[in-house]
C-alpha cells in the first residue's frame, strides 16, 4: 500500500489515472492539482491556480493534457506532458454550482487557437 499526500497535507477530493497509467493526478482542498509518477511513487509537479477545492480531473486520451474543475465552477486545462505549471486555458464560469465531474471523449480535439 502506498500513501500519497499533497505538500500541504490537505484533503484529497479527486484522483484519476492517465490513460497511459504512468501518471496519477490528484486534487483537493488546497486548491492544487498534483501529478504523481506511478513507477517511482513521487510527486512530478503541482499546478496552482484554482481558488477553491479541486473536485474533478481528467486526462486527454493521449495523456498530454489535464482538465481540472473546482467547487467554484471553473475549469482549467494544464499541460500534463511538459508541465510548465502555467494554466493553458481557464473557463471561469463553467458551472454556477461547482464542477463535480469532467471527462474527455476518446475522439477529442483541442483547439490550439484558444491556448495563449
PDB file of N, CA and C in Angstrom:
ATOM      1  N   UNK A   1       0.840  -1.176   0.000  1.00  0.00           N
ATOM      2  CA  UNK A   1       0.000   0.000   0.000  1.00  0.00           C
ATOM      3  C   UNK A   1       0.890   1.246   0.000  1.00  0.00           C
ATOM      4  N   UNK A   2       0.471   2.241  -0.773  1.00  0.00           N
ATOM      5  CA  UNK A   2       1.217   3.486  -0.893  1.00  0.00           C
ATOM      6  C   UNK A   2       0.315   4.634  -0.467  1.00  0.00           C
ATOM      7  N   UNK A   3       0.864   5.563   0.283  1.00  0.00           N
ATOM      8  CA  UNK A   3       0.115   6.745   0.697  1.00  0.00           C
ATOM      9  C   UNK A   3       0.762   7.965   0.055  1.00  0.00           C
ATOM     10  N   UNK A   4      -0.029   8.684  -0.736  1.00  0.00           N
ATOM     11  CA  UNK A   4       0.430   9.919  -1.357  1.00  0.00           C
ATOM     12  C   UNK A   4      -0.297  11.079  -0.703  1.00  0.00           C
ATOM     13  N   UNK A   5       0.404  12.129  -0.357  1.00  0.00           N
ATOM     14  CA  UNK A   5      -0.227  13.317   0.199  1.00  0.00           C
ATOM     15  C   UNK A   5       0.296  14.558  -0.493  1.00  0.00           C
ATOM     16  N   UNK A   6      -0.589  15.512  -0.635  1.00  0.00           N
ATOM     17  CA  UNK A   6      -0.192  16.792  -1.204  1.00  0.00           C
ATOM     18  C   UNK A   6       0.821  17.460  -0.282  1.00  0.00           C
ATOM     19  N   UNK A   7       1.662  18.333  -0.830  1.00  0.00           N
ATOM     20  CA  UNK A   7       2.653  19.027   0.004  1.00  0.00           C
ATOM     21  C   UNK A   7       2.027  19.759   1.198  1.00  0.00           C
ATOM     22  N   UNK A   8       0.768  20.200   1.053  1.00  0.00           N
ATOM     23  CA  UNK A   8       0.091  20.920   2.129  1.00  0.00           C
ATOM     24  C   UNK A   8      -0.525  19.986   3.165  1.00  0.00           C
ATOM     25  N   UNK A   9      -0.563  18.684   2.866  1.00  0.00           N
ATOM     26  CA  UNK A   9      -1.265  17.685   3.682  1.00  0.00           C
ATOM     27  C   UNK A   9      -2.774  17.916   3.721  1.00  0.00           C
ATOM     28  N   UNK A  10      -3.286  18.723   2.786  1.00  0.00           N
ATOM     29  CA  UNK A  10      -4.726  18.955   2.694  1.00  0.00           C
ATOM     30  C   UNK A  10      -5.446  17.724   2.180  1.00  0.00           C
ATOM     31  N   UNK A  11      -6.751  17.686   2.429  1.00  0.00           N
ATOM     32  CA  UNK A  11      -7.572  16.546   1.992  1.00  0.00           C
ATOM     33  C   UNK A  11      -7.609  16.460   0.467  1.00  0.00           C
ATOM     34  N   UNK A  12      -7.503  15.245  -0.049  1.00  0.00           N
ATOM     35  CA  UNK A  12      -7.598  14.987  -1.487  1.00  0.00           C
ATOM     36  C   UNK A  12      -9.035  14.614  -1.795  1.00  0.00           C
ATOM     37  N   UNK A  13      -9.618  15.266  -2.796  1.00  0.00           N
ATOM     38  CA  UNK A  13     -11.030  15.065  -3.149  1.00  0.00           C
ATOM     39  C   UNK A  13     -11.237  14.322  -4.460  1.00  0.00           C
ATOM     40  N   UNK A  14     -10.203  14.269  -5.321  1.00  0.00           N
ATOM     41  CA  UNK A  14     -10.354  13.602  -6.614  1.00  0.00           C
ATOM     42  C   UNK A  14      -9.007  13.038  -7.050  1.00  0.00           C
ATOM     43  N   UNK A  15      -9.033  11.873  -7.687  1.00  0.00           N
ATOM     44  CA  UNK A  15      -7.841  11.293  -8.305  1.00  0.00           C
ATOM     45  C   UNK A  15      -8.242  10.679  -9.633  1.00  0.00           C
ATOM     46  N   UNK A  16      -7.298  10.635 -10.568  1.00  0.00           N
ATOM     47  CA  UNK A  16      -7.536   9.941 -11.834  1.00  0.00           C
ATOM     48  C   UNK A  16      -6.205   9.511 -12.424  1.00  0.00           C
ATOM     49  N   UNK A  17      -6.218   8.350 -13.072  1.00  0.00           N
ATOM     50  CA  UNK A  17      -5.040   7.838 -13.764  1.00  0.00           C
ATOM     51  C   UNK A  17      -5.023   8.363 -15.193  1.00  0.00           C
ATOM     52  N   UNK A  18      -3.825   8.609 -15.715  1.00  0.00           N
ATOM     53  CA  UNK A  18      -3.690   8.934 -17.124  1.00  0.00           C
ATOM     54  C   UNK A  18      -3.997   7.672 -17.924  1.00  0.00           C
ATOM     55  N   UNK A  19      -4.456   7.815 -19.171  1.00  0.00           N
ATOM     56  CA  UNK A  19      -4.724   6.628 -19.990  1.00  0.00           C
ATOM     57  C   UNK A  19      -3.494   5.733 -20.157  1.00  0.00           C
ATOM     58  N   UNK A  20      -2.301   6.311 -20.096  1.00  0.00           N
ATOM     59  CA  UNK A  20      -1.085   5.511 -20.205  1.00  0.00           C
ATOM     60  C   UNK A  20      -0.767   4.779 -18.899  1.00  0.00           C
ATOM     61  N   UNK A  21      -1.480   5.121 -17.841  1.00  0.00           N
ATOM     62  CA  UNK A  21      -1.295   4.546 -16.498  1.00  0.00           C
ATOM     63  C   UNK A  21       0.066   4.887 -15.886  1.00  0.00           C
ATOM     64  N   UNK A  22       0.762   5.857 -16.441  1.00  0.00           N
ATOM     65  CA  UNK A  22       2.070   6.242 -15.909  1.00  0.00           C
ATOM     66  C   UNK A  22       1.967   7.353 -14.874  1.00  0.00           C
ATOM     67  N   UNK A  23       0.859   8.111 -14.919  1.00  0.00           N
ATOM     68  CA  UNK A  23       0.708   9.278 -14.056  1.00  0.00           C
ATOM     69  C   UNK A  23      -0.641   9.218 -13.337  1.00  0.00           C
ATOM     70  N   UNK A  24      -0.629   9.669 -12.098  1.00  0.00           N
ATOM     71  CA  UNK A  24      -1.851   9.836 -11.317  1.00  0.00           C
ATOM     72  C   UNK A  24      -1.994  11.315 -11.020  1.00  0.00           C
ATOM     73  N   UNK A  25      -3.173  11.858 -11.234  1.00  0.00           N
ATOM     74  CA  UNK A  25      -3.454  13.249 -10.872  1.00  0.00           C
ATOM     75  C   UNK A  25      -4.327  13.255  -9.632  1.00  0.00           C
ATOM     76  N   UNK A  26      -4.080  14.203  -8.750  1.00  0.00           N
ATOM     77  CA  UNK A  26      -4.915  14.356  -7.555  1.00  0.00           C
ATOM     78  C   UNK A  26      -5.208  15.832  -7.343  1.00  0.00           C
ATOM     79  N   UNK A  27      -6.363  16.112  -6.778  1.00  0.00           N
ATOM     80  CA  UNK A  27      -6.749  17.487  -6.473  1.00  0.00           C
ATOM     81  C   UNK A  27      -7.488  17.512  -5.156  1.00  0.00           C
ATOM     82  N   UNK A  28      -7.465  18.656  -4.491  1.00  0.00           N
ATOM     83  CA  UNK A  28      -8.112  18.684  -3.193  1.00  0.00           C
ATOM     84  C   UNK A  28      -8.382  20.041  -2.609  1.00  0.00           C
ATOM     85  N   UNK A  29      -8.533  20.042  -1.287  1.00  0.00           N
ATOM     86  CA  UNK A  29      -8.903  21.235  -0.536  1.00  0.00           C
ATOM     87  C   UNK A  29      -7.865  22.344  -0.617  1.00  0.00           C
ATOM     88  N   UNK A  30      -6.626  22.013  -0.943  1.00  0.00           N
ATOM     89  CA  UNK A  30      -5.561  23.017  -1.012  1.00  0.00           C
ATOM     90  C   UNK A  30      -5.553  23.784  -2.335  1.00  0.00           C
ATOM     91  N   UNK A  31      -6.588  23.556  -3.179  1.00  0.00           N
ATOM     92  CA  UNK A  31      -6.763  24.253  -4.456  1.00  0.00           C
ATOM     93  C   UNK A  31      -5.655  23.922  -5.454  1.00  0.00           C
ATOM     94  N   UNK A  32      -5.022  22.776  -5.255  1.00  0.00           N
ATOM     95  CA  UNK A  32      -3.864  22.371  -6.046  1.00  0.00           C
ATOM     96  C   UNK A  32      -4.160  21.066  -6.792  1.00  0.00           C
ATOM     97  N   UNK A  33      -3.547  20.922  -7.952  1.00  0.00           N
ATOM     98  CA  UNK A  33      -3.562  19.665  -8.694  1.00  0.00           C
ATOM     99  C   UNK A  33      -2.133  19.142  -8.687  1.00  0.00           C
ATOM    100  N   UNK A  34      -1.961  17.887  -8.290  1.00  0.00           N
ATOM    101  CA  UNK A  34      -0.626  17.279  -8.249  1.00  0.00           C
ATOM    102  C   UNK A  34      -0.558  16.122  -9.226  1.00  0.00           C
ATOM    103  N   UNK A  35       0.585  15.996  -9.894  1.00  0.00           N
ATOM    104  CA  UNK A  35       0.844  14.868 -10.784  1.00  0.00           C
ATOM    105  C   UNK A  35       1.887  13.980 -10.139  1.00  0.00           C
ATOM    106  N   UNK A  36       1.612  12.672 -10.132  1.00  0.00           N
ATOM    107  CA  UNK A  36       2.472  11.686  -9.475  1.00  0.00           C
ATOM    108  C   UNK A  36       2.978  10.674 -10.491  1.00  0.00           C
ATOM    109  N   UNK A  37       4.248  10.336 -10.407  1.00  0.00           N
ATOM    110  CA  UNK A  37       4.833   9.271 -11.217  1.00  0.00           C
ATOM    111  C   UNK A  37       4.492   7.946 -10.537  1.00  0.00           C
ATOM    112  N   UNK A  38       3.752   7.098 -11.224  1.00  0.00           N
ATOM    113  CA  UNK A  38       3.298   5.835 -10.632  1.00  0.00           C
ATOM    114  C   UNK A  38       4.464   4.893 -10.365  1.00  0.00           C
ATOM    115  N   UNK A  39       5.435   4.829 -11.269  1.00  0.00           N
ATOM    116  CA  UNK A  39       6.530   3.867 -11.111  1.00  0.00           C
ATOM    117  C   UNK A  39       7.436   4.191  -9.927  1.00  0.00           C
ATOM    118  N   UNK A  40       7.636   5.495  -9.668  1.00  0.00           N
ATOM    119  CA  UNK A  40       8.530   5.874  -8.561  1.00  0.00           C
ATOM    120  C   UNK A  40       7.760   6.345  -7.328  1.00  0.00           C
ATOM    121  N   UNK A  41       6.456   6.517  -7.492  1.00  0.00           N
ATOM    122  CA  UNK A  41       5.592   6.998  -6.406  1.00  0.00           C
ATOM    123  C   UNK A  41       6.036   8.357  -5.865  1.00  0.00           C
ATOM    124  N   UNK A  42       6.460   9.237  -6.793  1.00  0.00           N
ATOM    125  CA  UNK A  42       6.942  10.558  -6.395  1.00  0.00           C
ATOM    126  C   UNK A  42       6.131  11.660  -7.078  1.00  0.00           C
ATOM    127  N   UNK A  43       6.134  12.816  -6.453  1.00  0.00           N
ATOM    128  CA  UNK A  43       5.464  13.991  -6.994  1.00  0.00           C
ATOM    129  C   UNK A  43       6.275  14.524  -8.177  1.00  0.00           C
ATOM    130  N   UNK A  44       5.622  14.669  -9.325  1.00  0.00           N
ATOM    131  CA  UNK A  44       6.278  15.215 -10.517  1.00  0.00           C
ATOM    132  C   UNK A  44       6.199  16.734 -10.493  1.00  0.00           C
ATOM    133  N   UNK A  45       4.981  17.252 -10.300  1.00  0.00           N
ATOM    134  CA  UNK A  45       4.774  18.696 -10.269  1.00  0.00           C
ATOM    135  C   UNK A  45       3.410  19.011  -9.670  1.00  0.00           C
ATOM    136  N   UNK A  46       3.256  20.266  -9.273  1.00  0.00           N
ATOM    137  CA  UNK A  46       1.983  20.759  -8.747  1.00  0.00           C
ATOM    138  C   UNK A  46       1.505  21.911  -9.610  1.00  0.00           C
ATOM    139  N   UNK A  47       0.208  21.951  -9.852  1.00  0.00           N
ATOM    140  CA  UNK A  47      -0.407  23.042 -10.598  1.00  0.00           C
ATOM    141  C   UNK A  47      -1.231  23.874  -9.626  1.00  0.00           C
ATOM    142  N   UNK A  48      -0.969  25.165  -9.609  1.00  0.00           N
ATOM    143  CA  UNK A  48      -1.674  26.075  -8.713  1.00  0.00           C
ATOM    144  C   UNK A  48      -2.428  27.086  -9.556  1.00  0.00           C
ATOM    145  N   UNK A  49      -3.687  27.337  -9.215  1.00  0.00           N
ATOM    146  CA  UNK A  49      -4.461  28.311  -9.984  1.00  0.00           C
ATOM    147  C   UNK A  49      -5.927  28.337  -9.620  1.00  0.00           C
ATOM    148  N   UNK A  50      -6.442  27.233  -9.101  1.00  0.00           N
ATOM    149  CA  UNK A  50      -7.834  27.244  -8.665  1.00  0.00           C
ATOM    150  C   UNK A  50      -7.957  28.088  -7.404  1.00  0.00           C
ATOM    151  N   UNK A  51      -9.151  28.614  -7.184  1.00  0.00           N
ATOM    152  CA  UNK A  51      -9.382  29.421  -5.994  1.00  0.00           C
ATOM    153  C   UNK A  51     -10.380  28.771  -5.049  1.00  0.00           C
ATOM    154  N   UNK A  52     -10.591  27.479  -5.225  1.00  0.00           N
ATOM    155  CA  UNK A  52     -11.422  26.690  -4.313  1.00  0.00           C
ATOM    156  C   UNK A  52     -11.065  25.217  -4.491  1.00  0.00           C
ATOM    157  N   UNK A  53     -11.705  24.360  -3.749  1.00  0.00           N
ATOM    158  CA  UNK A  53     -11.404  22.930  -3.746  1.00  0.00           C
ATOM    159  C   UNK A  53     -11.467  22.331  -5.144  1.00  0.00           C
ATOM    160  N   UNK A  54     -10.444  21.575  -5.506  1.00  0.00           N
ATOM    161  CA  UNK A  54     -10.428  20.875  -6.788  1.00  0.00           C
ATOM    162  C   UNK A  54     -11.265  19.603  -6.619  1.00  0.00           C
ATOM    163  N   UNK A  55     -12.304  19.482  -7.438  1.00  0.00           N
ATOM    164  CA  UNK A  55     -13.284  18.404  -7.277  1.00  0.00           C
ATOM    165  C   UNK A  55     -13.375  17.473  -8.472  1.00  0.00           C
ATOM    166  N   UNK A  56     -12.664  17.783  -9.561  1.00  0.00           N
ATOM    167  CA  UNK A  56     -12.754  16.947 -10.761  1.00  0.00           C
ATOM    168  C   UNK A  56     -11.455  17.031 -11.546  1.00  0.00           C
ATOM    169  N   UNK A  57     -11.109  15.929 -12.215  1.00  0.00           N
ATOM    170  CA  UNK A  57      -9.899  15.899 -13.049  1.00  0.00           C
ATOM    171  C   UNK A  57     -10.006  14.786 -14.073  1.00  0.00           C
ATOM    172  N   UNK A  58      -9.448  15.029 -15.265  1.00  0.00           N
ATOM    173  CA  UNK A  58      -9.406  14.011 -16.316  1.00  0.00           C
ATOM    174  C   UNK A  58      -8.293  14.332 -17.299  1.00  0.00           C
ATOM    175  N   UNK A  59      -7.652  13.279 -17.793  1.00  0.00           N
ATOM    176  CA  UNK A  59      -6.616  13.404 -18.817  1.00  0.00           C
ATOM    177  C   UNK A  59      -7.227  13.251 -20.200  1.00  0.00           C
ATOM    178  N   UNK A  60      -6.580  13.870 -21.194  1.00  0.00           N
ATOM    179  CA  UNK A  60      -6.948  13.612 -22.579  1.00  0.00           C
ATOM    180  C   UNK A  60      -6.514  12.183 -22.911  1.00  0.00           C
ATOM    181  N   UNK A  61      -7.082  11.568 -23.946  1.00  0.00           N
ATOM    182  CA  UNK A  61      -6.729  10.188 -24.281  1.00  0.00           C
ATOM    183  C   UNK A  61      -5.245   9.951 -24.556  1.00  0.00           C
ATOM    184  N   UNK A  62      -4.521  10.993 -24.991  1.00  0.00           N
ATOM    185  CA  UNK A  62      -3.086  10.841 -25.241  1.00  0.00           C
ATOM    186  C   UNK A  62      -2.239  11.194 -24.015  1.00  0.00           C
ATOM    187  N   UNK A  63      -2.878  11.521 -22.913  1.00  0.00           N
ATOM    188  CA  UNK A  63      -2.230  11.873 -21.634  1.00  0.00           C
ATOM    189  C   UNK A  63      -1.438  13.176 -21.676  1.00  0.00           C
ATOM    190  N   UNK A  64      -1.582  13.971 -22.736  1.00  0.00           N
ATOM    191  CA  UNK A  64      -0.813  15.209 -22.863  1.00  0.00           C
ATOM    192  C   UNK A  64      -1.385  16.375 -22.065  1.00  0.00           C
ATOM    193  N   UNK A  65      -2.703  16.384 -21.887  1.00  0.00           N
ATOM    194  CA  UNK A  65      -3.349  17.493 -21.190  1.00  0.00           C
ATOM    195  C   UNK A  65      -4.227  16.960 -20.061  1.00  0.00           C
ATOM    196  N   UNK A  66      -4.468  17.844 -19.097  1.00  0.00           N
ATOM    197  CA  UNK A  66      -5.311  17.511 -17.961  1.00  0.00           C
ATOM    198  C   UNK A  66      -6.306  18.642 -17.780  1.00  0.00           C
ATOM    199  N   UNK A  67      -7.565  18.308 -17.565  1.00  0.00           N
ATOM    200  CA  UNK A  67      -8.562  19.317 -17.219  1.00  0.00           C
ATOM    201  C   UNK A  67      -8.918  19.113 -15.752  1.00  0.00           C
ATOM    202  N   UNK A  68      -9.062  20.217 -15.040  1.00  0.00           N
ATOM    203  CA  UNK A  68      -9.471  20.141 -13.639  1.00  0.00           C
ATOM    204  C   UNK A  68     -10.610  21.118 -13.416  1.00  0.00           C
ATOM    205  N   UNK A  69     -11.493  20.753 -12.496  1.00  0.00           N
ATOM    206  CA  UNK A  69     -12.627  21.599 -12.154  1.00  0.00           C
ATOM    207  C   UNK A  69     -12.686  21.801 -10.655  1.00  0.00           C
ATOM    208  N   UNK A  70     -13.329  22.887 -10.253  1.00  0.00           N
ATOM    209  CA  UNK A  70     -13.372  23.197  -8.824  1.00  0.00           C
ATOM    210  C   UNK A  70     -14.790  23.434  -8.334  1.00  0.00           C
ATOM    211  N   UNK A  71     -14.914  23.502  -7.021  1.00  0.00           N
ATOM    212  CA  UNK A  71     -16.215  23.751  -6.404  1.00  0.00           C
ATOM    213  C   UNK A  71     -16.712  25.159  -6.696  1.00  0.00           C
ATOM    214  N   UNK A  72     -15.846  26.039  -7.185  1.00  0.00           N
ATOM    215  CA  UNK A  72     -16.265  27.392  -7.574  1.00  0.00           C
ATOM    216  C   UNK A  72     -16.882  27.413  -8.966  1.00  0.00           C
ATOM    217  N   UNK A  73     -16.751  26.312  -9.723  1.00  0.00           N
ATOM    218  CA  UNK A  73     -17.357  26.221 -11.042  1.00  0.00           C
ATOM    219  C   UNK A  73     -16.431  26.500 -12.203  1.00  0.00           C
ATOM    220  N   UNK A  74     -15.136  26.651 -11.946  1.00  0.00           N
ATOM    221  CA  UNK A  74     -14.205  26.918 -13.040  1.00  0.00           C
ATOM    222  C   UNK A  74     -13.561  25.635 -13.544  1.00  0.00           C
ATOM    223  N   UNK A  75     -13.113  25.678 -14.796  1.00  0.00           N
ATOM    224  CA  UNK A  75     -12.357  24.594 -15.416  1.00  0.00           C
ATOM    225  C   UNK A  75     -11.011  25.153 -15.854  1.00  0.00           C
ATOM    226  N   UNK A  76      -9.966  24.346 -15.714  1.00  0.00           N
ATOM    227  CA  UNK A  76      -8.634  24.740 -16.152  1.00  0.00           C
ATOM    228  C   UNK A  76      -8.013  23.587 -16.940  1.00  0.00           C
ATOM    229  N   UNK A  77      -7.305  23.942 -18.003  1.00  0.00           N
ATOM    230  CA  UNK A  77      -6.580  22.947 -18.793  1.00  0.00           C
ATOM    231  C   UNK A  77      -5.093  23.184 -18.578  1.00  0.00           C
ATOM    232  N   UNK A  78      -4.381  22.087 -18.291  1.00  0.00           N
ATOM    233  CA  UNK A  78      -2.950  22.122 -17.969  1.00  0.00           C
ATOM    234  C   UNK A  78      -2.178  21.258 -18.953  1.00  0.00           C
ATOM    235  N   UNK A  79      -0.921  21.579 -19.138  1.00  0.00           N
ATOM    236  CA  UNK A  79      -0.017  20.780 -19.960  1.00  0.00           C
ATOM    237  C   UNK A  79       0.547  19.668 -19.073  1.00  0.00           C
ATOM    238  N   UNK A  80       0.001  18.484 -19.170  1.00  0.00           N
ATOM    239  CA  UNK A  80       0.427  17.363 -18.318  1.00  0.00           C
ATOM    240  C   UNK A  80       1.711  16.719 -18.827  1.00  0.00           C
ATOM    241  N   UNK A  81       2.010  16.900 -20.087  1.00  0.00           N
ATOM    242  CA  UNK A  81       3.196  16.260 -20.660  1.00  0.00           C
ATOM    243  C   UNK A  81       4.477  17.017 -20.296  1.00  0.00           C
ATOM    244  N   UNK A  82       4.480  18.321 -20.548  1.00  0.00           N
ATOM    245  CA  UNK A  82       5.664  19.125 -20.282  1.00  0.00           C
ATOM    246  C   UNK A  82       5.554  19.862 -18.957  1.00  0.00           C
ATOM    247  N   UNK A  83       4.316  20.076 -18.510  1.00  0.00           N
ATOM    248  CA  UNK A  83       4.041  20.617 -17.192  1.00  0.00           C
ATOM    249  C   UNK A  83       4.724  21.910 -16.837  1.00  0.00           C
ATOM    250  N   UNK A  84       4.534  22.921 -17.649  1.00  0.00           N
ATOM    251  CA  UNK A  84       5.168  24.204 -17.376  1.00  0.00           C
ATOM    252  C   UNK A  84       4.577  24.900 -16.157  1.00  0.00           C
ATOM    253  N   UNK A  85       3.502  24.367 -15.622  1.00  0.00           N
ATOM    254  CA  UNK A  85       2.920  24.915 -14.405  1.00  0.00           C
ATOM    255  C   UNK A  85       1.906  26.007 -14.641  1.00  0.00           C
ATOM    256  N   UNK A  86       1.961  26.637 -15.793  1.00  0.00           N
ATOM    257  CA  UNK A  86       1.021  27.703 -16.100  1.00  0.00           C
ATOM    258  C   UNK A  86      -0.233  27.111 -16.730  1.00  0.00           C
ATOM    259  N   UNK A  87      -1.374  27.573 -16.262  1.00  0.00           N
ATOM    260  CA  UNK A  87      -2.647  27.122 -16.822  1.00  0.00           C
ATOM    261  C   UNK A  87      -2.733  27.564 -18.280  1.00  0.00           C
ATOM    262  N   UNK A  88      -3.131  26.659 -19.171  1.00  0.00           N
ATOM    263  CA  UNK A  88      -3.231  26.969 -20.597  1.00  0.00           C
ATOM    264  C   UNK A  88      -4.535  27.674 -20.931  1.00  0.00           C
ATOM    265  N   UNK A  89      -5.633  27.212 -20.325  1.00  0.00           N
ATOM    266  CA  UNK A  89      -6.960  27.764 -20.590  1.00  0.00           C
ATOM    267  C   UNK A  89      -7.763  27.739 -19.300  1.00  0.00           C
ATOM    268  N   UNK A  90      -8.515  28.803 -19.052  1.00  0.00           N
ATOM    269  CA  UNK A  90      -9.441  28.836 -17.914  1.00  0.00           C
ATOM    270  C   UNK A  90     -10.828  29.184 -18.423  1.00  0.00           C
ATOM    271  N   UNK A  91     -11.800  28.410 -18.009  1.00  0.00           N
ATOM    272  CA  UNK A  91     -13.208  28.738 -18.231  1.00  0.00           C
ATOM    273  C   UNK A  91     -13.756  29.099 -16.851  1.00  0.00           C
ATOM    274  N   UNK A  92     -13.829  30.395 -16.532  1.00  0.00           N
ATOM    275  CA  UNK A  92     -14.122  30.809 -15.166  1.00  0.00           C
ATOM    276  C   UNK A  92     -15.516  30.455 -14.658  1.00  0.00           C
ATOM    277  N   UNK A  93     -16.489  30.357 -15.525  1.00  0.00           N
ATOM    278  CA  UNK A  93     -17.848  30.073 -15.076  1.00  0.00           C
ATOM    279  C   UNK A  93     -18.428  28.888 -15.844  1.00  0.00           C
ATOM    280  N   UNK A  94     -17.736  27.752 -15.780  1.00  0.00           N
ATOM    281  CA  UNK A  94     -18.204  26.565 -16.495  1.00  0.00           C
ATOM    282  C   UNK A  94     -19.520  26.062 -15.921  1.00  0.00           C
ATOM    283  N   UNK A  95     -19.701  26.223 -14.611  1.00  0.00           N
ATOM    284  CA  UNK A  95     -20.961  25.830 -13.970  1.00  0.00           C
ATOM    285  C   UNK A  95     -21.166  26.654 -12.718  1.00  0.00           C
ATOM    286  N   UNK A  96     -22.385  27.132 -12.518  1.00  0.00           N
ATOM    287  CA  UNK A  96     -22.651  28.017 -11.380  1.00  0.00           C
ATOM    288  C   UNK A  96     -22.762  27.293 -10.044  1.00  0.00           C
ATOM    289  N   UNK A  97     -22.860  25.968 -10.041  1.00  0.00           N
ATOM    290  CA  UNK A  97     -22.965  25.218  -8.784  1.00  0.00           C
ATOM    291  C   UNK A  97     -21.720  24.399  -8.480  1.00  0.00           C
ATOM    292  N   UNK A  98     -20.632  24.653  -9.184  1.00  0.00           N
ATOM    293  CA  UNK A  98     -19.405  23.894  -8.991  1.00  0.00           C
ATOM    294  C   UNK A  98     -19.318  22.737  -9.964  1.00  0.00           C
ATOM    295  N   UNK A  99     -18.116  22.299 -10.227  1.00  0.00           N
ATOM    296  CA  UNK A  99     -17.870  21.195 -11.162  1.00  0.00           C
ATOM    297  C   UNK A  99     -17.584  19.940 -10.356  1.00  0.00           C
ATOM    298  N   UNK A 100     -18.374  18.901 -10.570  1.00  0.00           N
ATOM    299  CA  UNK A 100     -18.196  17.651  -9.840  1.00  0.00           C
ATOM    300  C   UNK A 100     -17.650  16.525 -10.697  1.00  0.00           C
ATOM    301  N   UNK A 101     -17.586  16.727 -12.007  1.00  0.00           N
ATOM    302  CA  UNK A 101     -17.054  15.691 -12.878  1.00  0.00           C
ATOM    303  C   UNK A 101     -16.650  16.262 -14.218  1.00  0.00           C
ATOM    304  N   UNK A 102     -15.589  15.706 -14.799  1.00  0.00           N
ATOM    305  CA  UNK A 102     -15.117  16.098 -16.133  1.00  0.00           C
ATOM    306  C   UNK A 102     -14.615  14.848 -16.842  1.00  0.00           C
ATOM    307  N   UNK A 103     -14.614  14.885 -18.167  1.00  0.00           N
ATOM    308  CA  UNK A 103     -14.076  13.772 -18.939  1.00  0.00           C
ATOM    309  C   UNK A 103     -13.814  14.247 -20.354  1.00  0.00           C
ATOM    310  N   UNK A 104     -13.020  13.493 -21.090  1.00  0.00           N
ATOM    311  CA  UNK A 104     -12.745  13.763 -22.493  1.00  0.00           C
ATOM    312  C   UNK A 104     -13.295  12.615 -23.319  1.00  0.00           C
ATOM    313  N   UNK A 105     -13.785  12.932 -24.492  1.00  0.00           N
ATOM    314  CA  UNK A 105     -14.174  11.918 -25.447  1.00  0.00           C
ATOM    315  C   UNK A 105     -12.906  11.234 -25.955  1.00  0.00           C
ATOM    316  N   UNK A 106     -13.024   9.992 -26.349  1.00  0.00           N
ATOM    317  CA  UNK A 106     -11.867   9.302 -26.918  1.00  0.00           C
ATOM    318  C   UNK A 106     -11.488   9.894 -28.276  1.00  0.00           C
ATOM    319  N   UNK A 107     -12.337  10.767 -28.809  1.00  0.00           N
ATOM    320  CA  UNK A 107     -12.082  11.436 -30.092  1.00  0.00           C
ATOM    321  C   UNK A 107     -11.963  12.942 -29.904  1.00  0.00           C
ATOM    322  N   UNK A 108     -11.322  13.367 -28.826  1.00  0.00           N
ATOM    323  CA  UNK A 108     -11.224  14.794 -28.523  1.00  0.00           C
ATOM    324  C   UNK A 108     -10.364  15.513 -29.547  1.00  0.00           C
ATOM    325  N   UNK A 109     -10.583  16.829 -29.637  1.00  0.00           N
ATOM    326  CA  UNK A 109      -9.720  17.686 -30.436  1.00  0.00           C
ATOM    327  C   UNK A 109      -9.577  18.980 -29.664  1.00  0.00           C
ATOM    328  N   UNK A 110      -8.360  19.336 -29.315  1.00  0.00           N
ATOM    329  CA  UNK A 110      -8.094  20.564 -28.576  1.00  0.00           C
ATOM    330  C   UNK A 110      -7.807  21.659 -29.573  1.00  0.00           C
ATOM    331  N   UNK A 111      -8.581  22.728 -29.518  1.00  0.00           N
ATOM    332  CA  UNK A 111      -8.406  23.856 -30.426  1.00  0.00           C
ATOM    333  C   UNK A 111      -7.241  24.697 -29.918  1.00  0.00           C
ATOM    334  N   UNK A 112      -6.085  24.555 -30.528  1.00  0.00           N
ATOM    335  CA  UNK A 112      -4.873  25.243 -30.066  1.00  0.00           C
ATOM    336  C   UNK A 112      -4.950  26.741 -30.247  1.00  0.00           C
ATOM    337  N   UNK A 113      -5.907  27.230 -31.048  1.00  0.00           N
ATOM    338  CA  UNK A 113      -6.040  28.677 -31.208  1.00  0.00           C
ATOM    339  C   UNK A 113      -6.504  29.343 -29.926  1.00  0.00           C
ATOM    340  N   UNK A 114      -7.127  28.563 -29.022  1.00  0.00           N
ATOM    341  CA  UNK A 114      -7.633  29.149 -27.780  1.00  0.00           C
ATOM    342  C   UNK A 114      -6.580  29.134 -26.678  1.00  0.00           C
ATOM    343  N   UNK A 115      -5.433  28.531 -26.923  1.00  0.00           N
ATOM    344  CA  UNK A 115      -4.367  28.479 -25.909  1.00  0.00           C
ATOM    345  C   UNK A 115      -3.418  29.642 -26.133  1.00  0.00           C
ATOM    346  N   UNK A 116      -3.255  30.457 -25.125  1.00  0.00           N
ATOM    347  CA  UNK A 116      -2.374  31.635 -25.232  1.00  0.00           C
ATOM    348  C   UNK A 116      -1.168  31.452 -24.357  1.00  0.00           C
TER     349      UNK A 116
END
